[in-house]
Amino acid sequence: MTEAAAELPPAPEEARAVFGEYFPEAVRYAELLADAGVKRGLIGPREVPRLWERHLLNCAVLSEVVPQGVTVCDVGSGAGLPGIPLALVRPDLKITLLEPLLRRTNFLQEVVELLGLDHVTVVRGRAEEMLGKVPPVHVVTARAVAPLDRLAGWGVPLLRPYGEMLALKGDTAEEELVSAKAALSKLGVVDTSVLHVGEGVVDPLSTVVRVEVGESPGGVRFAAKRAKAARAGRARRRR
């Protein structure tokens, strides 16, 4: 055990309630983050003492606003946050962990296999290059990836019509929404809101920016790219 792993506190009672039957898997994931995650530079050693409250539970409560039985793409998944806690809480979801860096995708694949998460797929790639390469999803999730305007430019085009992006943000959520208003409009966004989730589980509550799209995710700018990708997909299927 590494020195950092020794700093991992016992799981709080809230974790038992949130993760339910997948609580043992959540504990194993926390141990992996505290050990291999720190060794590989995926998480800072100073984060280990607050892994449960600040990371696992903070991400798991995102499930409160994710619809039942939908497809999800976790953009810039990194060490698997929020995608893996969400997968542990919600086995009804089909989740893609999208991450460009090889050392991170290797870690994610190991975690998925070790925890037996059959409803989770790991894909290596940059979100902005995935249009037409991964099926459009109902929900895009992200945490600590980029400012909202840039994040939306990567994540929104991956949505199905009338899908939504759910971004875990901090105290600047409202300000980011205001500054990103013009960019979001060009991306076909029809509604935005700031939600607070995790009542009785995390303090402070987790802040989620919800970005909802209409019939054209990505707006006019991505319409031609989407049509081209669809034609290429049909051509591949005919071969």
C-alpha atoms as a PDB file:
ATOM      1  CA  MET A   1       0.000   0.000   0.000  1.00  0.00           C
ATOM      2  CA  THR A   2       1.298   3.452  -0.877  1.00  0.00           C
ATOM      3  CA  GLU A   3       1.560   6.262   1.646  1.00  0.00           C
ATOM      4  CA  ALA A   4      -1.296   8.047  -0.137  1.00  0.00           C
ATOM      5  CA  ALA A   5      -3.521   4.945  -0.048  1.00  0.00           C
ATOM      6  CA  ALA A   6      -3.037   4.756   3.713  1.00  0.00           C
ATOM      7  CA  GLU A   7      -4.745   8.161   3.940  1.00  0.00           C
ATOM      8  CA  LEU A   8      -8.038   6.842   2.506  1.00  0.00           C
ATOM      9  CA  PRO A   9     -10.696   7.158   5.222  1.00  0.00           C
ATOM     10  CA  PRO A  10     -13.373   4.514   5.799  1.00  0.00           C
ATOM     11  CA  ALA A  11     -16.464   4.889   3.656  1.00  0.00           C
ATOM     12  CA  PRO A  12     -19.097   7.114   5.291  1.00  0.00           C
ATOM     13  CA  GLU A  13     -22.575   5.779   6.023  1.00  0.00           C
ATOM     14  CA  GLU A  14     -23.969   7.954   3.217  1.00  0.00           C
ATOM     15  CA  ALA A  15     -21.960   5.851   0.759  1.00  0.00           C
ATOM     16  CA  ARG A  16     -23.727   2.665   1.868  1.00  0.00           C
ATOM     17  CA  ALA A  17     -27.086   4.296   1.244  1.00  0.00           C
ATOM     18  CA  VAL A  18     -26.132   5.797  -2.126  1.00  0.00           C
ATOM     19  CA  PHE A  19     -24.326   2.811  -3.659  1.00  0.00           C
ATOM     20  CA  GLY A  20     -26.572   0.128  -2.160  1.00  0.00           C
ATOM     21  CA  GLU A  21     -25.711  -3.353  -3.420  1.00  0.00           C
ATOM     22  CA  TYR A  22     -22.737  -1.906  -5.302  1.00  0.00           C
ATOM     23  CA  PHE A  23     -21.177  -0.522  -2.118  1.00  0.00           C
ATOM     24  CA  PRO A  24     -18.334  -3.132  -2.113  1.00  0.00           C
ATOM     25  CA  GLU A  25     -17.476  -2.125  -5.699  1.00  0.00           C
ATOM     26  CA  ALA A  26     -17.494   1.551  -4.691  1.00  0.00           C
ATOM     27  CA  VAL A  27     -15.041   0.778  -1.875  1.00  0.00           C
ATOM     28  CA  ARG A  28     -12.796  -1.102  -4.305  1.00  0.00           C
ATOM     29  CA  TYR A  29     -12.895   1.832  -6.730  1.00  0.00           C
ATOM     30  CA  ALA A  30     -11.950   4.244  -3.945  1.00  0.00           C
ATOM     31  CA  GLU A  31      -9.015   1.989  -3.056  1.00  0.00           C
ATOM     32  CA  LEU A  32      -7.897   1.889  -6.692  1.00  0.00           C
ATOM     33  CA  LEU A  33      -8.045   5.678  -6.954  1.00  0.00           C
ATOM     34  CA  ALA A  34      -6.072   6.079  -3.736  1.00  0.00           C
ATOM     35  CA  ASP A  35      -3.402   3.609  -4.836  1.00  0.00           C
ATOM     36  CA  ALA A  36      -2.970   3.108  -8.593  1.00  0.00           C
ATOM     37  CA  GLY A  37      -4.762   6.378  -9.351  1.00  0.00           C
ATOM     38  CA  VAL A  38      -2.204   8.366  -7.362  1.00  0.00           C
ATOM     39  CA  LYS A  39       0.770   6.336  -8.621  1.00  0.00           C
ATOM     40  CA  ARG A  40      -0.232   6.987 -12.231  1.00  0.00           C
ATOM     41  CA  GLY A  41      -0.860  10.677 -11.669  1.00  0.00           C
ATOM     42  CA  LEU A  42      -4.630  10.478 -12.242  1.00  0.00           C
ATOM     43  CA  ILE A  43      -5.500  11.980  -8.890  1.00  0.00           C
ATOM     44  CA  GLY A  44      -3.460  14.106  -6.509  1.00  0.00           C
ATOM     45  CA  PRO A  45      -2.351  12.536  -3.197  1.00  0.00           C
ATOM     46  CA  ARG A  46      -3.915  15.447  -1.302  1.00  0.00           C
ATOM     47  CA  GLU A  47      -7.318  14.399  -2.640  1.00  0.00           C
ATOM     48  CA  VAL A  48      -7.200  10.938  -1.023  1.00  0.00           C
ATOM     49  CA  PRO A  49      -8.485  11.969   2.436  1.00  0.00           C
ATOM     50  CA  ARG A  50     -11.546  13.527   0.799  1.00  0.00           C
ATOM     51  CA  LEU A  51     -12.110  10.979  -1.957  1.00  0.00           C
ATOM     52  CA  TRP A  52     -15.521   9.932  -0.665  1.00  0.00           C
ATOM     53  CA  GLU A  53     -17.142  13.303  -0.042  1.00  0.00           C
ATOM     54  CA  ARG A  54     -15.504  15.410  -2.731  1.00  0.00           C
ATOM     55  CA  HIS A  55     -15.265  12.862  -5.514  1.00  0.00           C
ATOM     56  CA  LEU A  56     -17.253   9.616  -5.306  1.00  0.00           C
ATOM     57  CA  LEU A  57     -20.374  10.907  -3.559  1.00  0.00           C
ATOM     58  CA  ASN A  58     -20.195  14.287  -5.273  1.00  0.00           C
ATOM     59  CA  CYS A  59     -20.379  12.434  -8.605  1.00  0.00           C
ATOM     60  CA  ALA A  60     -22.802   9.671  -7.599  1.00  0.00           C
ATOM     61  CA  VAL A  61     -25.562  12.153  -6.718  1.00  0.00           C
ATOM     62  CA  LEU A  62     -25.592  13.267 -10.357  1.00  0.00           C
ATOM     63  CA  SER A  63     -27.826  10.206 -10.804  1.00  0.00           C
ATOM     64  CA  GLU A  64     -30.701  12.223  -9.306  1.00  0.00           C
ATOM     65  CA  VAL A  65     -31.093  14.142 -12.573  1.00  0.00           C
ATOM     66  CA  VAL A  66     -30.243  11.436 -15.133  1.00  0.00           C
ATOM     67  CA  PRO A  67     -33.354   9.857 -16.731  1.00  0.00           C
ATOM     68  CA  GLN A  68     -33.990   6.107 -16.542  1.00  0.00           C
ATOM     69  CA  GLY A  69     -32.487   3.719 -19.082  1.00  0.00           C
ATOM     70  CA  VAL A  70     -30.685   6.256 -21.262  1.00  0.00           C
ATOM     71  CA  THR A  71     -27.315   6.274 -23.004  1.00  0.00           C
ATOM     72  CA  VAL A  72     -24.588   8.433 -21.466  1.00  0.00           C
ATOM     73  CA  CYS A  73     -21.198   9.666 -22.675  1.00  0.00           C
ATOM     74  CA  ASP A  74     -18.813  10.871 -19.963  1.00  0.00           C
ATOM     75  CA  VAL A  75     -16.566  13.354 -21.774  1.00  0.00           C
ATOM     76  CA  GLY A  76     -12.982  13.700 -20.549  1.00  0.00           C
ATOM     77  CA  SER A  77     -13.590  10.923 -18.046  1.00  0.00           C
ATOM     78  CA  GLY A  78     -10.072  11.039 -16.598  1.00  0.00           C
ATOM     79  CA  ALA A  79      -9.975   8.687 -13.621  1.00  0.00           C
ATOM     80  CA  GLY A  80     -13.659   7.848 -14.189  1.00  0.00           C
ATOM     81  CA  LEU A  81     -15.363  10.798 -12.522  1.00  0.00           C
ATOM     82  CA  PRO A  82     -18.325  11.123 -12.730  1.00  0.00           C
ATOM     83  CA  GLY A  83     -18.841   8.125 -15.060  1.00  0.00           C
ATOM     84  CA  ILE A  84     -17.876   5.250 -12.768  1.00  0.00           C
ATOM     85  CA  PRO A  85     -19.739   6.395  -9.624  1.00  0.00           C
ATOM     86  CA  LEU A  86     -22.755   7.007 -11.872  1.00  0.00           C
ATOM     87  CA  ALA A  87     -22.403   3.506 -13.322  1.00  0.00           C
ATOM     88  CA  LEU A  88     -22.268   1.969  -9.839  1.00  0.00           C
ATOM     89  CA  VAL A  89     -25.446   3.750  -8.772  1.00  0.00           C
ATOM     90  CA  ARG A  90     -27.303   3.273 -12.067  1.00  0.00           C
ATOM     91  CA  PRO A  91     -26.934  -0.142 -13.734  1.00  0.00           C
ATOM     92  CA  ASP A  92     -29.885   0.813 -15.967  1.00  0.00           C
ATOM     93  CA  LEU A  93     -27.659   3.209 -17.945  1.00  0.00           C
ATOM     94  CA  LYS A  94     -25.383   2.425 -20.885  1.00  0.00           C
ATOM     95  CA  ILE A  95     -22.285   4.531 -20.278  1.00  0.00           C
ATOM     96  CA  THR A  96     -19.327   5.385 -22.513  1.00  0.00           C
ATOM     97  CA  LEU A  97     -16.217   6.720 -20.796  1.00  0.00           C
ATOM     98  CA  LEU A  98     -14.532   8.953 -23.378  1.00  0.00           C
ATOM     99  CA  GLU A  99     -10.923   9.912 -22.660  1.00  0.00           C
ATOM    100  CA  PRO A 100      -8.062  10.882 -25.013  1.00  0.00           C
ATOM    101  CA  LEU A 101      -5.039   9.862 -22.896  1.00  0.00           C
ATOM    102  CA  LEU A 102      -3.820   6.251 -23.094  1.00  0.00           C
ATOM    103  CA  ARG A 103      -2.677   5.933 -19.476  1.00  0.00           C
ATOM    104  CA  ARG A 104      -6.127   7.028 -18.347  1.00  0.00           C
ATOM    105  CA  THR A 105      -8.039   4.730 -20.695  1.00  0.00           C
ATOM    106  CA  ASN A 106      -5.839   1.841 -19.541  1.00  0.00           C
ATOM    107  CA  PHE A 107      -6.779   2.604 -15.934  1.00  0.00           C
ATOM    108  CA  LEU A 108     -10.459   2.962 -16.823  1.00  0.00           C
ATOM    109  CA  GLN A 109     -10.496  -0.360 -18.667  1.00  0.00           C
ATOM    110  CA  GLU A 110      -8.881  -2.089 -15.695  1.00  0.00           C
ATOM    111  CA  VAL A 111     -11.451  -0.589 -13.320  1.00  0.00           C
ATOM    112  CA  VAL A 112     -14.394  -1.529 -15.554  1.00  0.00           C
ATOM    113  CA  GLU A 113     -13.203  -5.136 -15.818  1.00  0.00           C
ATOM    114  CA  LEU A 114     -12.315  -5.452 -12.130  1.00  0.00           C
ATOM    115  CA  LEU A 115     -15.673  -4.099 -10.988  1.00  0.00           C
ATOM    116  CA  GLY A 116     -17.631  -6.106 -13.569  1.00  0.00           C
ATOM    117  CA  LEU A 117     -19.316  -3.064 -15.114  1.00  0.00           C
ATOM    118  CA  ASP A 118     -20.800  -4.731 -18.186  1.00  0.00           C
ATOM    119  CA  HIS A 119     -22.870  -1.644 -19.010  1.00  0.00           C
ATOM    120  CA  VAL A 120     -19.771   0.563 -19.354  1.00  0.00           C
ATOM    121  CA  THR A 121     -17.528   0.949 -22.431  1.00  0.00           C
ATOM    122  CA  VAL A 122     -14.187   2.756 -22.538  1.00  0.00           C
ATOM    123  CA  VAL A 123     -13.346   4.698 -25.718  1.00  0.00           C
ATOM    124  CA  ARG A 124     -10.072   6.486 -26.336  1.00  0.00           C
ATOM    125  CA  GLY A 125     -10.468   9.709 -28.277  1.00  0.00           C
ATOM    126  CA  ARG A 126     -11.095  13.423 -28.205  1.00  0.00           C
ATOM    127  CA  ALA A 127     -14.753  14.450 -28.001  1.00  0.00           C
ATOM    128  CA  GLU A 128     -14.396  16.872 -30.914  1.00  0.00           C
ATOM    129  CA  GLU A 129     -13.281  13.986 -33.166  1.00  0.00           C
ATOM    130  CA  MET A 130     -16.030  11.535 -32.175  1.00  0.00           C
ATOM    131  CA  LEU A 131     -18.918  12.825 -34.292  1.00  0.00           C
ATOM    132  CA  GLY A 132     -20.015   9.860 -36.403  1.00  0.00           C
ATOM    133  CA  LYS A 133     -17.651   7.481 -34.600  1.00  0.00           C
ATOM    134  CA  VAL A 134     -19.794   6.939 -31.520  1.00  0.00           C
ATOM    135  CA  PRO A 135     -23.603   6.741 -31.576  1.00  0.00           C
ATOM    136  CA  PRO A 136     -25.382   9.916 -30.401  1.00  0.00           C
ATOM    137  CA  VAL A 137     -26.398   9.710 -26.742  1.00  0.00           C
ATOM    138  CA  HIS A 138     -29.248  10.980 -24.597  1.00  0.00           C
ATOM    139  CA  VAL A 139     -26.958  12.512 -21.972  1.00  0.00           C
ATOM    140  CA  VAL A 140     -23.402  13.882 -21.945  1.00  0.00           C
ATOM    141  CA  THR A 141     -21.726  14.223 -18.540  1.00  0.00           C
ATOM    142  CA  ALA A 142     -18.536  16.026 -17.572  1.00  0.00           C
ATOM    143  CA  ARG A 143     -16.661  17.225 -14.514  1.00  0.00           C
ATOM    144  CA  ALA A 144     -13.761  19.677 -14.295  1.00  0.00           C
ATOM    145  CA  VAL A 145     -12.993  19.357 -18.006  1.00  0.00           C
ATOM    146  CA  ALA A 146     -13.151  22.922 -19.371  1.00  0.00           C
ATOM    147  CA  PRO A 147     -15.089  26.211 -19.169  1.00  0.00           C
ATOM    148  CA  LEU A 148     -18.717  25.733 -20.167  1.00  0.00           C
ATOM    149  CA  ASP A 149     -18.526  27.340 -23.624  1.00  0.00           C
ATOM    150  CA  ARG A 150     -15.617  25.114 -24.679  1.00  0.00           C
ATOM    151  CA  LEU A 151     -17.074  22.022 -22.992  1.00  0.00           C
ATOM    152  CA  ALA A 152     -20.380  22.523 -24.797  1.00  0.00           C
ATOM    153  CA  GLY A 153     -18.560  22.747 -28.124  1.00  0.00           C
ATOM    154  CA  TRP A 154     -17.156  19.282 -27.487  1.00  0.00           C
ATOM    155  CA  GLY A 155     -20.097  17.616 -25.761  1.00  0.00           C
ATOM    156  CA  VAL A 156     -23.291  19.013 -27.301  1.00  0.00           C
ATOM    157  CA  PRO A 157     -22.624  17.644 -30.838  1.00  0.00           C
ATOM    158  CA  LEU A 158     -22.498  14.116 -29.335  1.00  0.00           C
ATOM    159  CA  LEU A 159     -26.122  14.367 -28.188  1.00  0.00           C
ATOM    160  CA  ARG A 160     -29.230  12.974 -29.790  1.00  0.00           C
ATOM    161  CA  PRO A 161     -31.960  15.483 -30.663  1.00  0.00           C
ATOM    162  CA  TYR A 162     -33.562  16.775 -27.455  1.00  0.00           C
ATOM    163  CA  GLY A 163     -30.722  15.382 -25.350  1.00  0.00           C
ATOM    164  CA  GLU A 164     -28.964  17.166 -22.509  1.00  0.00           C
ATOM    165  CA  MET A 165     -25.501  17.832 -21.160  1.00  0.00           C
ATOM    166  CA  LEU A 166     -25.043  17.644 -17.390  1.00  0.00           C
ATOM    167  CA  ALA A 167     -21.842  19.318 -16.197  1.00  0.00           C
ATOM    168  CA  LEU A 168     -20.724  19.202 -12.574  1.00  0.00           C
ATOM    169  CA  LYS A 169     -19.498  22.693 -11.773  1.00  0.00           C
ATOM    170  CA  GLY A 170     -18.507  24.773  -8.766  1.00  0.00           C
ATOM    171  CA  ASP A 171     -19.423  28.195  -7.457  1.00  0.00           C
ATOM    172  CA  THR A 172     -18.927  29.820 -10.862  1.00  0.00           C
ATOM    173  CA  ALA A 173     -21.775  27.890 -12.530  1.00  0.00           C
ATOM    174  CA  GLU A 174     -24.100  30.885 -12.912  1.00  0.00           C
ATOM    175  CA  GLU A 175     -21.313  33.122 -14.243  1.00  0.00           C
ATOM    176  CA  GLU A 176     -20.206  30.474 -16.727  1.00  0.00           C
ATOM    177  CA  LEU A 177     -23.761  30.167 -18.027  1.00  0.00           C
ATOM    178  CA  VAL A 178     -23.988  33.909 -18.594  1.00  0.00           C
ATOM    179  CA  SER A 179     -20.646  34.128 -20.406  1.00  0.00           C
ATOM    180  CA  ALA A 180     -21.415  31.048 -22.510  1.00  0.00           C
ATOM    181  CA  LYS A 181     -24.890  32.205 -23.600  1.00  0.00           C
ATOM    182  CA  ALA A 182     -23.950  33.192 -27.172  1.00  0.00           C
ATOM    183  CA  ALA A 183     -21.872  30.048 -27.741  1.00  0.00           C
ATOM    184  CA  LEU A 184     -24.646  27.809 -26.418  1.00  0.00           C
ATOM    185  CA  SER A 185     -27.231  29.433 -28.679  1.00  0.00           C
ATOM    186  CA  LYS A 186     -25.100  28.711 -31.760  1.00  0.00           C
ATOM    187  CA  LEU A 187     -24.854  25.056 -30.640  1.00  0.00           C
ATOM    188  CA  GLY A 188     -28.613  24.547 -30.786  1.00  0.00           C
ATOM    189  CA  VAL A 189     -29.173  24.838 -27.043  1.00  0.00           C
ATOM    190  CA  VAL A 190     -32.789  25.679 -26.200  1.00  0.00           C
ATOM    191  CA  ASP A 191     -32.740  25.761 -22.396  1.00  0.00           C
ATOM    192  CA  THR A 192     -30.282  25.920 -19.500  1.00  0.00           C
ATOM    193  CA  SER A 193     -30.569  25.636 -15.732  1.00  0.00           C
ATOM    194  CA  VAL A 194     -28.457  25.255 -12.602  1.00  0.00           C
ATOM    195  CA  LEU A 195     -29.431  22.374 -10.314  1.00  0.00           C
ATOM    196  CA  HIS A 196     -28.304  21.436  -6.815  1.00  0.00           C
ATOM    197  CA  VAL A 197     -28.302  17.728  -5.967  1.00  0.00           C
ATOM    198  CA  GLY A 198     -27.240  15.468  -3.111  1.00  0.00           C
ATOM    199  CA  GLU A 199     -29.485  16.687  -0.288  1.00  0.00           C
ATOM    200  CA  GLY A 200     -28.603  14.669   2.820  1.00  0.00           C
ATOM    201  CA  VAL A 201     -25.571  13.119   1.117  1.00  0.00           C
ATOM    202  CA  VAL A 202     -23.037  15.860   0.373  1.00  0.00           C
ATOM    203  CA  ASP A 203     -22.422  19.272   1.919  1.00  0.00           C
ATOM    204  CA  PRO A 204     -22.177  21.563   0.075  1.00  0.00           C
ATOM    205  CA  LEU A 205     -24.607  20.212  -2.499  1.00  0.00           C
ATOM    206  CA  SER A 206     -23.263  19.256  -5.917  1.00  0.00           C
ATOM    207  CA  THR A 207     -23.905  21.928  -8.555  1.00  0.00           C
ATOM    208  CA  VAL A 208     -24.977  20.741 -11.991  1.00  0.00           C
ATOM    209  CA  VAL A 209     -25.368  22.877 -15.100  1.00  0.00           C
ATOM    210  CA  ARG A 210     -28.013  21.362 -17.362  1.00  0.00           C
ATOM    211  CA  VAL A 211     -27.851  22.288 -21.049  1.00  0.00           C
ATOM    212  CA  GLU A 212     -30.754  21.038 -23.184  1.00  0.00           C
ATOM    213  CA  VAL A 213     -30.726  20.914 -26.981  1.00  0.00           C
ATOM    214  CA  GLY A 214     -33.467  20.954 -29.568  1.00  0.00           C
ATOM    215  CA  GLU A 215     -33.727  18.963 -32.770  1.00  0.00           C
ATOM    216  CA  SER A 216     -30.265  19.973 -34.004  1.00  0.00           C
ATOM    217  CA  PRO A 217     -27.516  19.268 -31.428  1.00  0.00           C
ATOM    218  CA  GLY A 218     -24.491  21.360 -32.329  1.00  0.00           C
ATOM    219  CA  GLY A 219     -26.566  23.792 -34.365  1.00  0.00           C
ATOM    220  CA  VAL A 220     -26.024  24.764 -37.990  1.00  0.00           C
ATOM    221  CA  ARG A 221     -22.250  24.450 -37.655  1.00  0.00           C
ATOM    222  CA  PHE A 222     -22.483  20.702 -37.046  1.00  0.00           C
ATOM    223  CA  ALA A 223     -25.453  19.903 -39.294  1.00  0.00           C
ATOM    224  CA  ALA A 224     -23.260  19.266 -42.364  1.00  0.00           C
ATOM    225  CA  LYS A 225     -20.755  17.241 -40.327  1.00  0.00           C
ATOM    226  CA  ARG A 226     -23.575  15.178 -38.856  1.00  0.00           C
ATOM    227  CA  ALA A 227     -25.068  14.465 -42.291  1.00  0.00           C
ATOM    228  CA  LYS A 228     -21.643  13.512 -43.669  1.00  0.00           C
ATOM    229  CA  ALA A 229     -21.005  11.192 -40.723  1.00  0.00           C
ATOM    230  CA  ALA A 230     -24.418   9.561 -41.193  1.00  0.00           C
ATOM    231  CA  ARG A 231     -23.717   8.935 -44.897  1.00  0.00           C
ATOM    232  CA  ALA A 232     -20.326   7.450 -44.061  1.00  0.00           C
ATOM    233  CA  GLY A 233     -21.942   5.170 -41.493  1.00  0.00           C
ATOM    234  CA  ARG A 234     -24.534   3.937 -43.970  1.00  0.00           C
ATOM    235  CA  ALA A 235     -21.800   3.285 -46.542  1.00  0.00           C
ATOM    236  CA  ARG A 236     -19.818   1.222 -44.031  1.00  0.00           C
ATOM    237  CA  ARG A 237     -22.860  -0.867 -43.151  1.00  0.00           C
ATOM    238  CA  ARG A 238     -23.533  -1.649 -46.832  1.00  0.00           C
ATOM    239  CA  ARG A 239     -20.059  -3.089 -47.368  1.00  0.00           C
END
